[in-house]
C-alpha atoms as a PDB file:
ATOM      1  CA  MET A   1     -40.349   3.728 -19.799  1.00  0.00           C
ATOM      2  CA  ASP A   2     -38.403   6.770 -20.265  1.00  0.00           C
ATOM      3  CA  ASN A   3     -37.213   6.913 -23.782  1.00  0.00           C
ATOM      4  CA  LYS A   4     -33.502   7.989 -23.274  1.00  0.00           C
ATOM      5  CA  PHE A   5     -32.338   9.877 -20.238  1.00  0.00           C
ATOM      6  CA  THR A   6     -28.705  10.651 -18.375  1.00  0.00           C
ATOM      7  CA  LEU A   7     -27.724  10.446 -14.718  1.00  0.00           C
ATOM      8  CA  LYS A   8     -24.669  11.820 -13.043  1.00  0.00           C
ATOM      9  CA  ALA A   9     -22.549   9.664 -11.073  1.00  0.00           C
ATOM     10  CA  PRO A  10     -20.597  11.822  -8.652  1.00  0.00           C
ATOM     11  CA  ALA A  11     -16.910  10.995  -7.026  1.00  0.00           C
ATOM     12  CA  LYS A  12     -16.586  10.332  -2.929  1.00  0.00           C
ATOM     13  CA  ILE A  13     -13.946  11.162  -0.768  1.00  0.00           C
ATOM     14  CA  ASN A  14     -12.904   9.997   2.717  1.00  0.00           C
ATOM     15  CA  LEU A  15     -12.652  13.217   5.119  1.00  0.00           C
ATOM     16  CA  GLY A  16     -11.683  10.719   7.573  1.00  0.00           C
ATOM     17  CA  LEU A  17     -10.834   6.840   7.319  1.00  0.00           C
ATOM     18  CA  THR A  18      -9.999   4.182  10.056  1.00  0.00           C
ATOM     19  CA  VAL A  19      -9.294   0.743   9.444  1.00  0.00           C
ATOM     20  CA  ILE A  20      -9.938  -1.158  12.603  1.00  0.00           C
ATOM     21  CA  SER A  21      -9.391  -4.580  12.268  1.00  0.00           C
ATOM     22  CA  ARG A  22      -9.301  -7.569   9.490  1.00  0.00           C
ATOM     23  CA  ARG A  23     -12.554  -9.490   9.673  1.00  0.00           C
ATOM     24  CA  ALA A  24     -12.896 -13.378   9.523  1.00  0.00           C
ATOM     25  CA  ASP A  25     -14.459 -12.856   5.712  1.00  0.00           C
ATOM     26  CA  GLY A  26     -11.654 -10.951   4.622  1.00  0.00           C
ATOM     27  CA  PHE A  27     -13.002  -7.158   4.598  1.00  0.00           C
ATOM     28  CA  HIS A  28     -11.775  -4.904   6.754  1.00  0.00           C
ATOM     29  CA  GLU A  29     -13.882  -3.272   9.520  1.00  0.00           C
ATOM     30  CA  LEU A  30     -13.991   0.323   8.720  1.00  0.00           C
ATOM     31  CA  GLU A  31     -15.157   3.447  10.124  1.00  0.00           C
ATOM     32  CA  SER A  32     -15.157   6.540   7.617  1.00  0.00           C
ATOM     33  CA  VAL A  33     -16.560   9.992   7.128  1.00  0.00           C
ATOM     34  CA  MET A  34     -17.463   9.722   3.252  1.00  0.00           C
ATOM     35  CA  GLN A  35     -18.326  12.888   1.413  1.00  0.00           C
ATOM     36  CA  GLN A  36     -20.052  13.247  -2.190  1.00  0.00           C
ATOM     37  CA  VAL A  37     -18.381  15.876  -4.786  1.00  0.00           C
ATOM     38  CA  SER A  38     -19.243  17.300  -8.068  1.00  0.00           C
ATOM     39  CA  LEU A  39     -16.655  15.442 -10.000  1.00  0.00           C
ATOM     40  CA  ALA A  40     -18.988  12.787 -11.808  1.00  0.00           C
ATOM     41  CA  ASP A  41     -18.839  10.497 -14.940  1.00  0.00           C
ATOM     42  CA  THR A  42     -22.144  10.511 -16.869  1.00  0.00           C
ATOM     43  CA  LEU A  43     -24.444   6.990 -17.656  1.00  0.00           C
ATOM     44  CA  LEU A  44     -26.430   7.365 -21.017  1.00  0.00           C
ATOM     45  CA  PHE A  45     -29.646   4.903 -21.200  1.00  0.00           C
ATOM     46  CA  GLU A  46     -31.534   4.600 -24.233  1.00  0.00           C
ATOM     47  CA  PRO A  47     -33.391   2.027 -26.408  1.00  0.00           C
ATOM     48  CA  ALA A  48     -31.540  -0.606 -28.424  1.00  0.00           C
ATOM     49  CA  LEU A  49     -32.980  -2.736 -31.301  1.00  0.00           C
ATOM     50  CA  GLU A  50     -31.460  -5.930 -29.975  1.00  0.00           C
ATOM     51  CA  LYS A  51     -32.692  -7.370 -26.606  1.00  0.00           C
ATOM     52  CA  GLY A  52     -30.756  -7.376 -23.491  1.00  0.00           C
ATOM     53  CA  TRP A  53     -28.267  -4.724 -22.216  1.00  0.00           C
ATOM     54  CA  HIS A  54     -25.412  -3.360 -24.081  1.00  0.00           C
ATOM     55  CA  PHE A  55     -22.506  -1.491 -22.395  1.00  0.00           C
ATOM     56  CA  PHE A  56     -20.204   0.992 -23.903  1.00  0.00           C
ATOM     57  CA  CYS A  57     -17.354   3.021 -21.908  1.00  0.00           C
ATOM     58  CA  THR A  58     -15.309   6.012 -23.259  1.00  0.00           C
ATOM     59  CA  GLU A  59     -12.157   4.406 -21.285  1.00  0.00           C
ATOM     60  CA  GLU A  60     -11.087   1.645 -23.069  1.00  0.00           C
ATOM     61  CA  SER A  61      -9.132   0.051 -20.198  1.00  0.00           C
ATOM     62  CA  ILE A  62     -12.615  -0.498 -18.276  1.00  0.00           C
ATOM     63  CA  SER A  63     -14.891  -1.161 -20.867  1.00  0.00           C
ATOM     64  CA  GLY A  64     -15.246  -5.101 -20.318  1.00  0.00           C
ATOM     65  CA  LEU A  65     -18.135  -7.228 -18.829  1.00  0.00           C
ATOM     66  CA  ASP A  66     -16.135  -6.960 -15.338  1.00  0.00           C
ATOM     67  CA  ASN A  67     -17.088  -3.637 -15.311  1.00  0.00           C
ATOM     68  CA  LEU A  68     -19.367  -2.662 -12.296  1.00  0.00           C
ATOM     69  CA  VAL A  69     -22.100  -1.021 -14.656  1.00  0.00           C
ATOM     70  CA  ALA A  70     -22.359  -4.324 -16.456  1.00  0.00           C
ATOM     71  CA  ARG A  71     -22.167  -6.653 -13.393  1.00  0.00           C
ATOM     72  CA  ALA A  72     -24.962  -4.278 -12.256  1.00  0.00           C
ATOM     73  CA  ALA A  73     -26.992  -5.001 -15.232  1.00  0.00           C
ATOM     74  CA  SER A  74     -26.775  -8.538 -15.331  1.00  0.00           C
ATOM     75  CA  MET A  75     -27.481  -9.108 -11.873  1.00  0.00           C
ATOM     76  CA  LEU A  76     -30.798  -7.175 -12.150  1.00  0.00           C
ATOM     77  CA  GLU A  77     -31.531  -8.979 -15.357  1.00  0.00           C
ATOM     78  CA  GLU A  78     -30.996 -12.551 -13.486  1.00  0.00           C
ATOM     79  CA  ARG A  79     -33.673 -11.247 -11.029  1.00  0.00           C
ATOM     80  CA  VAL A  80     -36.545 -10.610 -13.358  1.00  0.00           C
ATOM     81  CA  ASP A  81     -38.689 -13.348 -14.542  1.00  0.00           C
ATOM     82  CA  ARG A  82     -40.065 -11.375 -17.758  1.00  0.00           C
ATOM     83  CA  PRO A  83     -38.347 -10.181 -20.923  1.00  0.00           C
ATOM     84  CA  LEU A  84     -36.746  -6.982 -20.821  1.00  0.00           C
ATOM     85  CA  PRO A  85     -36.379  -4.100 -23.445  1.00  0.00           C
ATOM     86  CA  GLY A  86     -33.130  -3.715 -24.928  1.00  0.00           C
ATOM     87  CA  VAL A  87     -30.847  -0.844 -23.553  1.00  0.00           C
ATOM     88  CA  LYS A  88     -27.742   0.661 -24.501  1.00  0.00           C
ATOM     89  CA  ILE A  89     -25.641   2.008 -21.538  1.00  0.00           C
ATOM     90  CA  THR A  90     -22.826   4.502 -22.370  1.00  0.00           C
ATOM     91  CA  LEU A  91     -20.483   5.365 -19.497  1.00  0.00           C
ATOM     92  CA  TYR A  92     -18.867   8.661 -20.185  1.00  0.00           C
ATOM     93  CA  LYS A  93     -15.944   8.573 -17.810  1.00  0.00           C
ATOM     94  CA  ASN A  94     -14.640  11.709 -16.318  1.00  0.00           C
ATOM     95  CA  ILE A  95     -13.502  10.439 -12.706  1.00  0.00           C
ATOM     96  CA  PRO A  96      -9.753   9.192 -12.798  1.00  0.00           C
ATOM     97  CA  VAL A  97      -9.522   5.571 -12.705  1.00  0.00           C
ATOM     98  CA  GLU A  98      -8.041   3.785  -9.630  1.00  0.00           C
ATOM     99  CA  ALA A  99      -7.686   7.030  -7.689  1.00  0.00           C
ATOM    100  CA  GLY A 100      -9.290   6.230  -4.520  1.00  0.00           C
ATOM    101  CA  LEU A 101     -12.385   8.090  -5.682  1.00  0.00           C
ATOM    102  CA  ALA A 102     -15.165   5.343  -5.735  1.00  0.00           C
ATOM    103  CA  GLY A 103     -15.297   6.142  -9.598  1.00  0.00           C
ATOM    104  CA  GLY A 104     -16.434   2.192 -10.376  1.00  0.00           C
ATOM    105  CA  SER A 105     -18.759   2.315  -7.238  1.00  0.00           C
ATOM    106  CA  THR A 106     -20.763   5.436  -8.188  1.00  0.00           C
ATOM    107  CA  ASP A 107     -20.957   4.368 -11.847  1.00  0.00           C
ATOM    108  CA  CYS A 108     -22.529   1.163 -10.580  1.00  0.00           C
ATOM    109  CA  ALA A 109     -24.884   3.067  -8.311  1.00  0.00           C
ATOM    110  CA  ALA A 110     -26.103   4.924 -11.202  1.00  0.00           C
ATOM    111  CA  ALA A 111     -26.581   1.839 -13.303  1.00  0.00           C
ATOM    112  CA  LEU A 112     -28.702   0.353 -10.539  1.00  0.00           C
ATOM    113  CA  VAL A 113     -30.955   3.480 -10.376  1.00  0.00           C
ATOM    114  CA  GLY A 114     -31.013   3.764 -14.009  1.00  0.00           C
ATOM    115  CA  LEU A 115     -32.001   0.514 -15.162  1.00  0.00           C
ATOM    116  CA  ASN A 116     -34.704   0.106 -12.356  1.00  0.00           C
ATOM    117  CA  ARG A 117     -36.040   3.269 -13.979  1.00  0.00           C
ATOM    118  CA  PHE A 118     -35.644   2.149 -17.561  1.00  0.00           C
ATOM    119  CA  TRP A 119     -36.720  -1.159 -17.409  1.00  0.00           C
ATOM    120  CA  ASN A 120     -39.650  -0.103 -14.665  1.00  0.00           C
ATOM    121  CA  LEU A 121     -38.486  -2.575 -12.182  1.00  0.00           C
ATOM    122  CA  GLY A 122     -40.008  -1.098  -9.455  1.00  0.00           C
ATOM    123  CA  PHE A 123     -37.641  -1.678  -6.680  1.00  0.00           C
ATOM    124  CA  GLU A 124     -37.395   0.389  -3.616  1.00  0.00           C
ATOM    125  CA  PRO A 125     -34.560   2.240  -2.549  1.00  0.00           C
ATOM    126  CA  ASP A 126     -33.818  -0.052   0.314  1.00  0.00           C
ATOM    127  CA  THR A 127     -33.980  -2.959  -1.957  1.00  0.00           C
ATOM    128  CA  LEU A 128     -31.382  -1.198  -4.331  1.00  0.00           C
ATOM    129  CA  GLN A 129     -29.359  -0.700  -1.355  1.00  0.00           C
ATOM    130  CA  GLU A 130     -29.368  -4.479  -0.355  1.00  0.00           C
ATOM    131  CA  LEU A 131     -28.573  -5.493  -3.764  1.00  0.00           C
ATOM    132  CA  SER A 132     -25.588  -2.993  -4.212  1.00  0.00           C
ATOM    133  CA  LEU A 133     -23.928  -4.542  -1.249  1.00  0.00           C
ATOM    134  CA  LEU A 134     -23.257  -7.831  -3.242  1.00  0.00           C
ATOM    135  CA  LEU A 135     -21.101  -5.737  -5.693  1.00  0.00           C
ATOM    136  CA  GLY A 136     -19.124  -3.555  -3.614  1.00  0.00           C
ATOM    137  CA  SER A 137     -19.021  -1.867  -0.200  1.00  0.00           C
ATOM    138  CA  ASP A 138     -18.841   1.815  -1.465  1.00  0.00           C
ATOM    139  CA  ILE A 139     -21.873   1.530  -3.670  1.00  0.00           C
ATOM    140  CA  PRO A 140     -24.537   1.668  -0.717  1.00  0.00           C
ATOM    141  CA  PHE A 141     -22.814   5.325   0.081  1.00  0.00           C
ATOM    142  CA  CYS A 142     -22.716   6.028  -3.719  1.00  0.00           C
ATOM    143  CA  LEU A 143     -26.473   5.562  -3.698  1.00  0.00           C
ATOM    144  CA  GLN A 144     -27.365   7.605  -0.540  1.00  0.00           C
ATOM    145  CA  GLY A 145     -24.917  10.612  -1.468  1.00  0.00           C
ATOM    146  CA  GLY A 146     -24.413  13.639   0.670  1.00  0.00           C
ATOM    147  CA  THR A 147     -22.224  13.038   3.925  1.00  0.00           C
ATOM    148  CA  ALA A 148     -22.302  10.071   5.801  1.00  0.00           C
ATOM    149  CA  LEU A 149     -20.671   8.294   8.678  1.00  0.00           C
ATOM    150  CA  ALA A 150     -20.168   4.595   7.547  1.00  0.00           C
ATOM    151  CA  ARG A 151     -19.194   1.384   9.532  1.00  0.00           C
ATOM    152  CA  GLY A 152     -18.444  -2.091   9.021  1.00  0.00           C
ATOM    153  CA  ARG A 153     -17.405  -2.947   5.145  1.00  0.00           C
ATOM    154  CA  GLY A 154     -18.951   0.564   4.511  1.00  0.00           C
ATOM    155  CA  GLU A 155     -22.440  -0.516   4.179  1.00  0.00           C
ATOM    156  CA  LYS A 156     -23.881   0.544   7.787  1.00  0.00           C
ATOM    157  CA  LEU A 157     -24.762   4.237   6.778  1.00  0.00           C
ATOM    158  CA  GLU A 158     -25.479   7.020   9.261  1.00  0.00           C
ATOM    159  CA  LYS A 159     -26.474  10.197   7.543  1.00  0.00           C
ATOM    160  CA  LEU A 160     -24.652  13.260   8.989  1.00  0.00           C
ATOM    161  CA  PRO A 161     -25.907  17.099   8.385  1.00  0.00           C
ATOM    162  CA  SER A 162     -24.585  18.312   4.845  1.00  0.00           C
ATOM    163  CA  LEU A 163     -21.072  19.746   5.040  1.00  0.00           C
ATOM    164  CA  PRO A 164     -20.714  23.512   4.985  1.00  0.00           C
ATOM    165  CA  PHE A 165     -19.781  24.323   1.143  1.00  0.00           C
ATOM    166  CA  PHE A 166     -16.240  23.796   0.347  1.00  0.00           C
ATOM    167  CA  TRP A 167     -14.491  24.286  -2.818  1.00  0.00           C
ATOM    168  CA  VAL A 168     -12.538  20.741  -3.511  1.00  0.00           C
ATOM    169  CA  ILE A 169      -9.298  20.314  -5.051  1.00  0.00           C
ATOM    170  CA  LEU A 170      -8.437  17.133  -6.263  1.00  0.00           C
ATOM    171  CA  VAL A 171      -4.671  15.977  -6.766  1.00  0.00           C
ATOM    172  CA  LEU A 172      -3.375  12.880  -8.833  1.00  0.00           C
ATOM    173  CA  PRO A 173       0.544  12.713  -8.988  1.00  0.00           C
ATOM    174  CA  ALA A 174       0.801  11.909 -12.550  1.00  0.00           C
ATOM    175  CA  GLY A 175       1.030   8.160 -13.716  1.00  0.00           C
ATOM    176  CA  LEU A 176       0.753   6.915  -9.992  1.00  0.00           C
ATOM    177  CA  ARG A 177      -1.841   3.972  -9.627  1.00  0.00           C
ATOM    178  CA  MET A 178      -1.979   2.050  -5.962  1.00  0.00           C
ATOM    179  CA  PRO A 179      -3.761  -1.367  -5.991  1.00  0.00           C
ATOM    180  CA  THR A 180      -6.192  -1.369  -3.287  1.00  0.00           C
ATOM    181  CA  ALA A 181      -5.756  -4.824  -2.537  1.00  0.00           C
ATOM    182  CA  ALA A 182      -2.056  -4.224  -1.981  1.00  0.00           C
ATOM    183  CA  VAL A 183      -2.849  -1.150   0.321  1.00  0.00           C
ATOM    184  CA  TYR A 184      -4.768  -3.131   2.782  1.00  0.00           C
ATOM    185  CA  ARG A 185      -2.106  -5.732   2.508  1.00  0.00           C
ATOM    186  CA  ASN A 186       0.565  -3.603   3.570  1.00  0.00           C
ATOM    187  CA  LEU A 187      -0.847  -1.605   6.478  1.00  0.00           C
ATOM    188  CA  ASN A 188       0.786  -0.588   9.387  1.00  0.00           C
ATOM    189  CA  ARG A 189      -1.000  -2.979  11.816  1.00  0.00           C
ATOM    190  CA  SER A 190       0.417  -0.801  14.964  1.00  0.00           C
ATOM    191  CA  ARG A 191      -1.770   1.983  13.603  1.00  0.00           C
ATOM    192  CA  LEU A 192      -5.006   0.349  13.010  1.00  0.00           C
ATOM    193  CA  GLY A 193      -7.892   2.133  14.930  1.00  0.00           C
ATOM    194  CA  GLU A 194      -6.355   5.222  14.388  1.00  0.00           C
ATOM    195  CA  PRO A 195      -7.416   8.222  13.838  1.00  0.00           C
ATOM    196  CA  LEU A 196     -10.228   8.480  15.852  1.00  0.00           C
ATOM    197  CA  LEU A 197     -13.056  10.203  14.066  1.00  0.00           C
ATOM    198  CA  SER A 198     -15.137  11.556  16.994  1.00  0.00           C
ATOM    199  CA  ASP A 199     -13.434  15.080  16.633  1.00  0.00           C
ATOM    200  CA  LEU A 200     -14.414  15.310  12.743  1.00  0.00           C
ATOM    201  CA  VAL A 201     -17.817  14.107  13.288  1.00  0.00           C
ATOM    202  CA  GLU A 202     -18.719  16.435  16.257  1.00  0.00           C
ATOM    203  CA  ALA A 203     -17.514  19.269  13.923  1.00  0.00           C
ATOM    204  CA  ILE A 204     -19.298  18.369  10.907  1.00  0.00           C
ATOM    205  CA  ARG A 205     -22.705  17.938  13.084  1.00  0.00           C
ATOM    206  CA  ALA A 206     -21.846  21.538  14.545  1.00  0.00           C
ATOM    207  CA  GLY A 207     -21.296  22.951  11.219  1.00  0.00           C
ATOM    208  CA  LYS A 208     -17.891  24.558  11.920  1.00  0.00           C
ATOM    209  CA  ARG A 209     -15.552  25.090   9.225  1.00  0.00           C
ATOM    210  CA  GLY A 210     -12.618  25.701  11.116  1.00  0.00           C
ATOM    211  CA  ARG A 211     -12.941  22.970  13.316  1.00  0.00           C
ATOM    212  CA  ILE A 212     -13.052  20.874  10.028  1.00  0.00           C
ATOM    213  CA  LEU A 213     -10.082  22.265   8.480  1.00  0.00           C
ATOM    214  CA  ASP A 214      -8.199  21.771  11.852  1.00  0.00           C
ATOM    215  CA  TRP A 215      -8.973  17.999  11.789  1.00  0.00           C
ATOM    216  CA  LEU A 216      -7.942  17.553   8.271  1.00  0.00           C
ATOM    217  CA  SER A 217      -4.644  19.390   9.211  1.00  0.00           C
ATOM    218  CA  ARG A 218      -3.701  16.508  11.828  1.00  0.00           C
ATOM    219  CA  GLU A 219      -0.789  14.399  11.049  1.00  0.00           C
ATOM    220  CA  LEU A 220      -2.855  11.143  10.255  1.00  0.00           C
ATOM    221  CA  THR A 221      -6.667  11.346   8.777  1.00  0.00           C
ATOM    222  CA  ASN A 222      -6.571   7.942   7.152  1.00  0.00           C
ATOM    223  CA  THR A 223      -5.203   4.521   8.071  1.00  0.00           C
ATOM    224  CA  LEU A 224      -4.394   3.495   4.647  1.00  0.00           C
ATOM    225  CA  GLU A 225      -1.728   6.170   4.318  1.00  0.00           C
ATOM    226  CA  THR A 226       0.717   4.097   6.542  1.00  0.00           C
ATOM    227  CA  ALA A 227       0.749   1.418   3.977  1.00  0.00           C
ATOM    228  CA  VAL A 228       4.273   0.977   2.216  1.00  0.00           C
ATOM    229  CA  VAL A 229       3.681  -0.128  -1.250  1.00  0.00           C
ATOM    230  CA  PRO A 230       5.003   0.937  -4.735  1.00  0.00           C
ATOM    231  CA  GLY A 231       4.618   4.272  -4.929  1.00  0.00           C
ATOM    232  CA  SER A 232       3.845   5.345  -1.565  1.00  0.00           C
ATOM    233  CA  TRP A 233       7.002   7.323  -1.392  1.00  0.00           C
ATOM    234  CA  LEU A 234       6.145   9.533  -4.402  1.00  0.00           C
ATOM    235  CA  LEU A 235       2.995  10.167  -2.732  1.00  0.00           C
ATOM    236  CA  GLN A 236       4.754  11.154   0.384  1.00  0.00           C
ATOM    237  CA  GLU A 237       6.985  13.394  -1.372  1.00  0.00           C
ATOM    238  CA  ILE A 238       3.972  15.150  -3.415  1.00  0.00           C
ATOM    239  CA  LYS A 239       2.280  15.864  -0.068  1.00  0.00           C
ATOM    240  CA  SER A 240       5.442  17.409   1.591  1.00  0.00           C
ATOM    241  CA  LYS A 241       6.162  19.352  -0.878  1.00  0.00           C
ATOM    242  CA  LEU A 242       2.405  20.897  -1.267  1.00  0.00           C
ATOM    243  CA  GLN A 243       2.559  21.066   2.603  1.00  0.00           C
ATOM    244  CA  ALA A 244       5.888  23.095   2.416  1.00  0.00           C
ATOM    245  CA  ARG A 245       4.036  25.713   0.289  1.00  0.00           C
ATOM    246  CA  GLY A 246       1.514  25.946   3.161  1.00  0.00           C
ATOM    247  CA  LEU A 247      -1.319  23.645   1.695  1.00  0.00           C
ATOM    248  CA  LYS A 248      -2.903  20.946   3.511  1.00  0.00           C
ATOM    249  CA  PRO A 249      -3.506  17.643   1.443  1.00  0.00           C
ATOM    250  CA  VAL A 250      -5.214  14.525   2.508  1.00  0.00           C
ATOM    251  CA  LEU A 251      -4.959  11.124   1.173  1.00  0.00           C
ATOM    252  CA  SER A 252      -8.708  10.583   0.414  1.00  0.00           C
ATOM    253  CA  GLY A 253      -9.322   6.540  -0.003  1.00  0.00           C
ATOM    254  CA  SER A 254      -7.098   3.812  -0.821  1.00  0.00           C
ATOM    255  CA  GLY A 255      -4.989   6.538  -2.753  1.00  0.00           C
ATOM    256  CA  PRO A 256      -3.254   8.103  -4.724  1.00  0.00           C
ATOM    257  CA  ALA A 257      -5.673  10.875  -5.141  1.00  0.00           C
ATOM    258  CA  LEU A 258      -5.323  13.557  -2.376  1.00  0.00           C
ATOM    259  CA  PHE A 259      -7.581  16.162  -1.704  1.00  0.00           C
ATOM    260  CA  MET A 260      -7.447  19.792  -0.308  1.00  0.00           C
ATOM    261  CA  LEU A 261     -10.540  22.015   0.773  1.00  0.00           C
ATOM    262  CA  ALA A 262     -10.841  25.831   0.153  1.00  0.00           C
ATOM    263  CA  GLU A 263     -13.493  28.509   1.285  1.00  0.00           C
ATOM    264  CA  ASN A 264     -13.353  30.621  -1.546  1.00  0.00           C
ATOM    265  CA  TYR A 265     -13.007  30.128  -5.417  1.00  0.00           C
ATOM    266  CA  GLU A 266      -9.990  32.212  -5.674  1.00  0.00           C
ATOM    267  CA  LEU A 267      -8.107  30.270  -3.181  1.00  0.00           C
ATOM    268  CA  ALA A 268      -9.113  27.145  -4.705  1.00  0.00           C
ATOM    269  CA  CYS A 269      -7.677  28.062  -7.961  1.00  0.00           C
ATOM    270  CA  LYS A 270      -4.606  28.820  -6.481  1.00  0.00           C
ATOM    271  CA  MET A 271      -4.066  25.768  -4.725  1.00  0.00           C
ATOM    272  CA  ALA A 272      -5.055  23.960  -7.937  1.00  0.00           C
ATOM    273  CA  ARG A 273      -2.196  26.090  -9.823  1.00  0.00           C
ATOM    274  CA  MET A 274       0.164  25.144  -7.022  1.00  0.00           C
ATOM    275  CA  ALA A 275      -0.353  21.319  -7.265  1.00  0.00           C
ATOM    276  CA  GLU A 276       0.021  21.703 -11.141  1.00  0.00           C
ATOM    277  CA  GLU A 277       3.264  23.081 -10.687  1.00  0.00           C
ATOM    278  CA  GLU A 278       4.255  19.963  -8.705  1.00  0.00           C
ATOM    279  CA  ASN A 279       3.492  17.682 -11.830  1.00  0.00           C
ATOM    280  CA  CYS A 280       0.208  16.614 -10.591  1.00  0.00           C
ATOM    281  CA  ARG A 281      -3.407  16.639 -12.084  1.00  0.00           C
ATOM    282  CA  ALA A 282      -5.622  18.888 -10.384  1.00  0.00           C
ATOM    283  CA  TYR A 283      -9.597  18.714 -10.566  1.00  0.00           C
ATOM    284  CA  LEU A 284     -11.621  21.687  -8.988  1.00  0.00           C
ATOM    285  CA  CYS A 285     -14.995  20.790  -7.935  1.00  0.00           C
ATOM    286  CA  TRP A 286     -17.016  21.074  -4.628  1.00  0.00           C
ATOM    287  CA  THR A 287     -19.264  19.364  -2.019  1.00  0.00           C
ATOM    288  CA  LEU A 288     -22.569  18.348  -2.682  1.00  0.00           C
END
């Protein structure tokens, strides 16, 4: 057992996301191109005097036992028939909460990997993948990382070639939150199955920067953008303002985060400043 160590938990964007249909189990059948970015939370694992696991988070609003990190710890503890040494898990939150960037899912993935290491459980990666799906649909991708085509609930992953390097500008309209469940409930059902992701996948496989950027400039890159929920009008207004300034913002997941790609640092900084001038928070990071 390592005495003390940290793990990074990188955020995720959806370069393209298609909701195909609602499933009998209440989930939605999806197809999405997922990409990890450098913006990350940090998890610290260190010995605790008391037995069991003890969870702390720098973001008070998500510090309870319903946090996915705590749920991951509880699940692993239940699956081991032996005493486990005490561990203190501290989550240093950097990824915005409820932004559509898979912050909770990536924290959970890091917790599974970290506790497997700290407690010397010996679970293979495939086993962690299976366990992760019990906690959330995006967690299997967060364990795998990189660039991937996801199907089903998000658990059927096909690894894609690494994306050509891009600077990523994440844009968060100030104070805006859009609950995922509400977004899915209020989708425009006539747009299910749109957009088709084949051109995006082919561009990534060919490693063509221009074709990737052209795809992201399309009218619809994410079915979830068709949802009409409180706050969606503000998101559309921000997007329109950025488009009027020559930018190409894209909805990341279920919202409200938008993202833009840039090929060089100077352009990325300029785009971030323009987003901040529209009363948005801007995070500058890059593809992993």
